[in-house]
Amino acid sequence: MALVKAALVTQLQKKMNNIREIYNDNGYHISKSCLAQSQIDKVLSAISFVFEQQLQFLSINFKQGDGSSINCLYDKMKLLFHSDIARYLKVIKALSNLTEVYDIFFSDQIRNLLKEIGITHSFIPTGPVLHIMSYELKIPHGYHGLPPHQDYPSMCGSIDAPILWIPLVDINKDLYPLELIPQSNQKGVLSGTISENCYEINKDHYQESDFISTEVSRGDIVIMSPFTVHRSGTRGRKNAVRISCSMRFDNLNEENFIERCYPTAYKRVIDRDMFQRENLISRIFKI
């Protein structure tokens, strides 16, 4: 029995070392079927619930259905988008705060995945982000994917801070895939330009043929180095939506991070004017 236990431990260590080696070498790793389908369904149902609330508030009829059905959710998203785009944008911005989104990133599967690449203690520099891309939901002159960029200049935390990117639908090369350049993490920070949304890499650092599309399924997790050059694929079929979420972690044991006393580029800001601007006294107390 002891020999069997020892053999299992050895196999597990080899698996963990292999994942760590692949991740460190390529700058990313795709953990297949890491999350349960029920975890994904809970997030989609929560998103659907929010859209239902808004449609009901606006007295817009919508087709009832399974809240976790992506087709049912997509129909509600399009209804709100075409009825009140300003309200739609506010909803999209707020969805990252859903408890169900946080539940995934605080799950045992995520903790175990971090351990597999050598991170046993971590900090969370900022909250999760929900990413939505669809031809039919494209904001005029607004976000529709990010150009080639690296994440570290926007984070400034631990040097080995991993980014976790989770698809909430099956994603292939024709549905706005995450595109990245393998082994680009080994080049460190490349020259680029700091824009409003990212640290965009100069075009002389890459060719179009360098990028690969990550084709992933619900339940998979892409874990990526902060130095890996990546972008949002802009090729997407009509009448379909790509929904994903991401979150960043800092490695509490990284020496440079310890020496710098755990810094982060993110700031928590309070809008002190909202209370008066939205006249919340009269709204709450019916004055």
Protein backbone atom coordinates (compact mmCIF):
# COMPACT_ATOMS: atom_id res chain seq x y z
CA MET A 1 0.00 0.00 0.00
CA ALA A 2 2.83 2.39 0.88
CA LEU A 3 4.50 1.66 -2.47
CA VAL A 4 1.27 2.45 -4.35
CA LYS A 5 0.92 5.74 -2.46
CA ALA A 6 4.51 6.68 -3.21
CA ALA A 7 3.99 5.90 -6.91
CA LEU A 8 0.88 8.12 -7.04
CA VAL A 9 2.72 10.98 -5.38
CA THR A 10 5.58 10.63 -7.89
CA GLN A 11 3.13 10.69 -10.82
CA LEU A 12 1.45 13.81 -9.43
CA GLN A 13 4.80 15.56 -9.00
CA LYS A 14 5.77 14.71 -12.58
CA LYS A 15 2.45 16.09 -13.83
CA MET A 16 2.87 19.30 -11.86
CA ASN A 17 6.47 19.73 -13.01
CA ASN A 18 5.40 19.12 -16.61
CA ILE A 19 2.68 21.79 -16.43
CA ARG A 20 5.12 24.21 -14.82
CA GLU A 21 7.74 23.52 -17.47
CA ILE A 22 5.25 23.99 -20.32
CA TYR A 23 3.93 27.19 -18.75
CA ASN A 24 7.40 28.65 -18.12
CA ASP A 25 8.65 27.69 -21.58
CA ASN A 26 5.66 28.67 -23.74
CA GLY A 27 4.33 31.48 -21.58
CA TYR A 28 0.93 29.83 -21.24
CA HIS A 29 -0.81 26.57 -20.49
CA ILE A 30 -4.35 25.36 -21.21
CA SER A 31 -5.81 23.29 -18.41
CA LYS A 32 -8.53 21.20 -20.05
CA SER A 33 -11.84 20.49 -18.28
CA CYS A 34 -10.55 22.12 -15.11
CA LEU A 35 -13.91 23.56 -14.07
CA ALA A 36 -17.24 21.76 -13.72
CA GLN A 37 -19.99 22.61 -16.19
CA SER A 38 -22.23 23.48 -13.24
CA GLN A 39 -19.80 26.26 -12.24
CA ILE A 40 -20.04 27.79 -15.72
CA ASP A 41 -23.83 27.44 -15.74
CA LYS A 42 -24.11 29.37 -12.47
CA VAL A 43 -22.22 32.31 -13.96
CA LEU A 44 -24.30 32.34 -17.14
CA SER A 45 -27.53 32.07 -15.13
CA ALA A 46 -26.47 35.01 -12.96
CA ILE A 47 -25.69 37.12 -16.05
CA SER A 48 -29.03 36.16 -17.56
CA PHE A 49 -30.81 37.16 -14.35
CA VAL A 50 -29.33 40.66 -14.52
CA PHE A 51 -30.47 41.14 -18.11
CA GLU A 52 -33.94 39.89 -17.20
CA GLN A 53 -34.13 42.47 -14.41
CA GLN A 54 -33.28 45.29 -16.81
CA LEU A 55 -35.72 44.14 -19.49
CA GLN A 56 -38.48 43.89 -16.91
CA PHE A 57 -37.64 47.37 -15.64
CA LEU A 58 -38.01 48.71 -19.18
CA SER A 59 -41.24 46.68 -19.70
CA ILE A 60 -39.69 44.79 -22.60
CA ASN A 61 -41.04 41.32 -23.26
CA PHE A 62 -38.47 38.55 -23.57
CA LYS A 63 -38.59 34.82 -24.16
CA GLN A 64 -38.34 32.81 -20.97
CA GLY A 65 -35.92 29.90 -21.00
CA ASP A 66 -33.01 28.16 -19.36
CA GLY A 67 -30.91 30.90 -17.74
CA SER A 68 -27.69 29.00 -18.45
CA SER A 69 -28.50 28.64 -22.16
CA ILE A 70 -26.14 30.83 -24.15
CA ASN A 71 -28.71 31.30 -26.94
CA CYS A 72 -31.36 32.42 -24.46
CA LEU A 73 -28.91 34.81 -22.79
CA TYR A 74 -27.72 36.17 -26.12
CA ASP A 75 -31.30 37.04 -27.13
CA LYS A 76 -31.74 39.05 -23.91
CA MET A 77 -28.44 40.82 -24.44
CA LYS A 78 -29.46 41.88 -27.96
CA LEU A 79 -32.85 43.09 -26.72
CA LEU A 80 -31.30 45.40 -24.15
CA PHE A 81 -28.53 46.50 -26.53
CA HIS A 82 -31.00 47.64 -29.18
CA SER A 83 -33.46 49.12 -26.67
CA ASP A 84 -31.09 51.16 -24.50
CA ILE A 85 -27.39 50.99 -25.35
CA ALA A 86 -26.41 53.29 -22.47
CA ARG A 87 -28.10 50.96 -19.98
CA TYR A 88 -26.54 47.96 -21.74
CA LEU A 89 -23.06 49.44 -21.25
CA LYS A 90 -23.70 50.00 -17.55
CA VAL A 91 -24.82 46.39 -17.17
CA ILE A 92 -21.75 45.04 -18.96
CA LYS A 93 -19.51 47.10 -16.69
CA ALA A 94 -21.28 45.82 -13.57
CA LEU A 95 -21.32 42.11 -14.47
CA SER A 96 -17.72 41.55 -13.33
CA ASN A 97 -18.93 42.15 -9.78
CA LEU A 98 -21.23 39.13 -9.78
CA THR A 99 -20.63 36.84 -6.81
CA GLU A 100 -20.75 33.85 -9.17
CA VAL A 101 -17.78 35.22 -11.15
CA TYR A 102 -15.76 35.59 -7.95
CA ASP A 103 -16.80 32.08 -6.87
CA ILE A 104 -14.98 30.58 -9.85
CA PHE A 105 -11.72 32.41 -9.18
CA PHE A 106 -11.84 31.52 -5.49
CA SER A 107 -12.54 27.84 -6.22
CA ASP A 108 -10.34 24.91 -5.24
CA GLN A 109 -9.66 24.21 -8.91
CA ILE A 110 -8.05 27.63 -9.31
CA ARG A 111 -6.01 27.25 -6.13
CA ASN A 112 -4.76 23.86 -7.31
CA LEU A 113 -3.90 25.20 -10.75
CA LEU A 114 -1.84 27.98 -9.21
CA LYS A 115 -0.01 25.40 -7.10
CA GLU A 116 0.77 23.41 -10.23
CA ILE A 117 2.80 26.32 -11.59
CA GLY A 118 4.48 26.86 -8.23
CA ILE A 119 2.32 29.53 -6.61
CA THR A 120 1.27 28.46 -3.11
CA HIS A 121 0.52 31.90 -1.67
CA SER A 122 -0.98 34.70 -3.73
CA PHE A 123 -2.30 38.25 -3.68
CA ILE A 124 -5.22 39.48 -5.76
CA PRO A 125 -4.27 42.90 -7.18
CA THR A 126 -7.64 43.63 -8.78
CA GLY A 127 -11.05 42.08 -9.37
CA PRO A 128 -12.17 39.88 -12.25
CA VAL A 129 -13.11 41.22 -15.68
CA LEU A 130 -15.88 39.93 -17.93
CA HIS A 131 -15.17 40.05 -21.69
CA ILE A 132 -17.99 40.06 -24.25
CA MET A 133 -17.51 40.13 -28.01
CA SER A 134 -20.14 39.82 -30.72
CA TYR A 135 -20.66 41.30 -34.14
CA GLU A 136 -24.25 42.16 -33.21
CA LEU A 137 -23.20 43.76 -29.90
CA LYS A 138 -20.35 45.86 -31.24
CA ILE A 139 -20.28 49.28 -29.57
CA PRO A 140 -19.96 52.12 -32.11
CA HIS A 141 -16.40 53.50 -31.72
CA GLY A 142 -16.02 51.37 -28.59
CA TYR A 143 -14.24 48.26 -27.34
CA HIS A 144 -14.01 45.35 -29.73
CA GLY A 145 -10.95 43.49 -28.59
CA LEU A 146 -7.44 44.61 -27.67
CA PRO A 147 -4.37 44.90 -29.96
CA PRO A 148 -1.14 42.93 -29.27
CA HIS A 149 -0.06 43.76 -25.74
CA GLN A 150 1.63 42.55 -22.57
CA ASP A 151 -0.06 42.71 -19.16
CA TYR A 152 2.89 43.30 -16.82
CA PRO A 153 3.24 47.07 -17.41
CA SER A 154 -0.40 47.41 -16.34
CA MET A 155 0.16 45.32 -13.21
CA CYS A 156 3.67 46.03 -11.86
CA GLY A 157 3.30 43.30 -9.23
CA SER A 158 5.23 40.05 -8.96
CA ILE A 159 7.35 39.21 -11.97
CA ASP A 160 5.66 35.82 -12.36
CA ALA A 161 2.09 37.06 -11.84
CA PRO A 162 -0.24 34.69 -13.74
CA ILE A 163 -3.32 35.77 -15.69
CA LEU A 164 -6.20 33.29 -15.75
CA TRP A 165 -8.60 33.50 -18.71
CA ILE A 166 -11.76 31.38 -18.61
CA PRO A 167 -14.13 30.81 -21.56
CA LEU A 168 -17.82 30.64 -20.62
CA VAL A 169 -18.69 29.32 -24.09
CA ASP A 170 -16.89 27.03 -26.53
CA ILE A 171 -14.45 29.18 -28.51
CA ASN A 172 -12.81 28.35 -31.84
CA LYS A 173 -10.87 30.36 -34.40
CA ASP A 174 -14.13 31.78 -35.76
CA LEU A 175 -15.39 33.13 -32.42
CA TYR A 176 -13.01 35.87 -31.30
CA PRO A 177 -10.34 33.55 -29.82
CA LEU A 178 -7.57 34.64 -27.49
CA GLU A 179 -4.53 34.88 -29.77
CA LEU A 180 -1.00 34.76 -28.39
CA ILE A 181 2.63 34.32 -29.34
CA PRO A 182 4.23 31.24 -27.74
CA GLN A 183 7.53 31.85 -25.90
CA SER A 184 7.19 35.64 -26.22
CA ASN A 185 7.32 35.69 -22.41
CA GLN A 186 11.03 34.86 -22.59
CA LYS A 187 11.83 38.25 -24.14
CA GLY A 188 10.77 40.29 -21.11
CA VAL A 189 9.04 43.64 -21.54
CA LEU A 190 9.07 44.69 -25.21
CA SER A 191 9.01 48.27 -26.41
CA GLY A 192 5.52 49.61 -26.79
CA THR A 193 3.06 52.39 -26.08
CA ILE A 194 0.94 52.85 -23.00
CA SER A 195 -2.64 53.45 -24.12
CA GLU A 196 -5.86 53.88 -22.17
CA ASN A 197 -6.63 50.15 -22.19
CA CYS A 198 -3.29 48.33 -22.45
CA TYR A 199 0.46 48.37 -23.11
CA GLU A 200 0.43 47.98 -26.89
CA ILE A 201 3.52 46.29 -28.36
CA ASN A 202 5.36 47.94 -31.24
CA LYS A 203 4.65 46.21 -34.54
CA ASP A 204 8.33 45.51 -35.29
CA HIS A 205 8.30 42.88 -32.50
CA TYR A 206 5.96 40.44 -34.26
CA GLN A 207 4.50 39.14 -37.50
CA GLU A 208 0.92 37.99 -38.04
CA SER A 209 2.14 34.42 -38.51
CA ASP A 210 3.55 34.43 -34.96
CA PHE A 211 0.09 34.33 -33.36
CA ILE A 212 -1.80 31.15 -32.57
CA SER A 213 -5.50 30.94 -31.73
CA THR A 214 -6.43 29.21 -28.48
CA GLU A 215 -9.43 27.02 -29.24
CA VAL A 216 -10.96 26.20 -25.88
CA SER A 217 -14.13 24.77 -24.37
CA ARG A 218 -16.31 25.61 -21.41
CA GLY A 219 -14.50 24.39 -18.32
CA ASP A 220 -11.00 24.99 -19.72
CA ILE A 221 -8.66 27.56 -18.20
CA VAL A 222 -5.90 29.43 -20.01
CA ILE A 223 -3.14 30.46 -17.61
CA MET A 224 -0.70 32.97 -19.06
CA SER A 225 2.49 34.83 -18.16
CA PRO A 226 2.23 38.63 -17.78
CA PHE A 227 4.96 38.92 -20.44
CA THR A 228 3.20 36.81 -23.07
CA VAL A 229 2.19 38.90 -26.09
CA HIS A 230 -1.50 38.37 -26.78
CA ARG A 231 -4.55 40.02 -28.31
CA SER A 232 -8.27 39.52 -28.91
CA GLY A 233 -9.11 37.77 -32.15
CA THR A 234 -11.49 39.96 -34.16
CA ARG A 235 -12.78 37.20 -36.41
CA GLY A 236 -16.23 36.13 -35.30
CA ARG A 237 -19.19 34.51 -36.98
CA LYS A 238 -22.52 36.33 -37.00
CA ASN A 239 -25.30 35.57 -34.52
CA ALA A 240 -22.87 34.32 -31.90
CA VAL A 241 -21.31 35.74 -28.75
CA ARG A 242 -18.00 35.08 -27.03
CA ILE A 243 -18.13 35.47 -23.25
CA SER A 244 -15.09 34.95 -21.07
CA CYS A 245 -13.73 36.22 -17.78
CA SER A 246 -10.23 36.81 -16.50
CA MET A 247 -8.42 37.59 -13.29
CA ARG A 248 -4.85 38.35 -12.25
CA PHE A 249 -2.85 37.04 -9.31
CA ASP A 250 0.47 38.01 -7.71
CA ASN A 251 2.92 35.45 -6.35
CA LEU A 252 3.48 36.32 -2.71
CA ASN A 253 6.75 34.32 -2.64
CA GLU A 254 8.46 36.08 -5.55
CA GLU A 255 11.65 37.73 -4.24
CA ASN A 256 11.37 40.97 -6.21
CA PHE A 257 7.78 41.34 -5.03
CA ILE A 258 8.85 40.84 -1.41
CA GLU A 259 11.68 43.38 -1.75
CA ARG A 260 9.29 45.97 -3.24
CA CYS A 261 6.82 45.32 -0.39
CA TYR A 262 3.93 43.95 -2.51
CA PRO A 263 3.08 46.90 -4.81
CA THR A 264 0.29 47.04 -7.39
CA ALA A 265 -0.52 49.53 -10.14
CA TYR A 266 -4.23 49.26 -9.36
CA LYS A 267 -5.97 51.83 -7.19
CA ARG A 268 -9.30 51.75 -5.41
CA VAL A 269 -11.18 54.94 -6.20
CA ILE A 270 -14.39 56.17 -4.57
CA ASP A 271 -16.71 58.42 -6.54
CA ARG A 272 -17.53 60.91 -3.78
CA ASP A 273 -19.87 62.87 -6.05
CA MET A 274 -22.26 59.99 -6.84
CA PHE A 275 -24.30 60.45 -3.66
CA GLN A 276 -25.37 63.95 -4.63
CA ARG A 277 -25.23 63.50 -8.40
CA GLU A 278 -27.81 60.69 -8.34
CA ASN A 279 -29.84 62.39 -5.61
CA LEU A 280 -29.75 59.23 -3.50
CA ILE A 281 -31.29 60.86 -0.43
CA SER A 282 -34.64 61.34 -2.15
CA ARG A 283 -34.42 57.97 -3.89
CA ILE A 284 -33.80 56.03 -0.69
CA PHE A 285 -35.95 57.96 1.78
CA LYS A 286 -38.67 59.09 -0.65
CA ILE A 287 -38.30 62.70 0.41
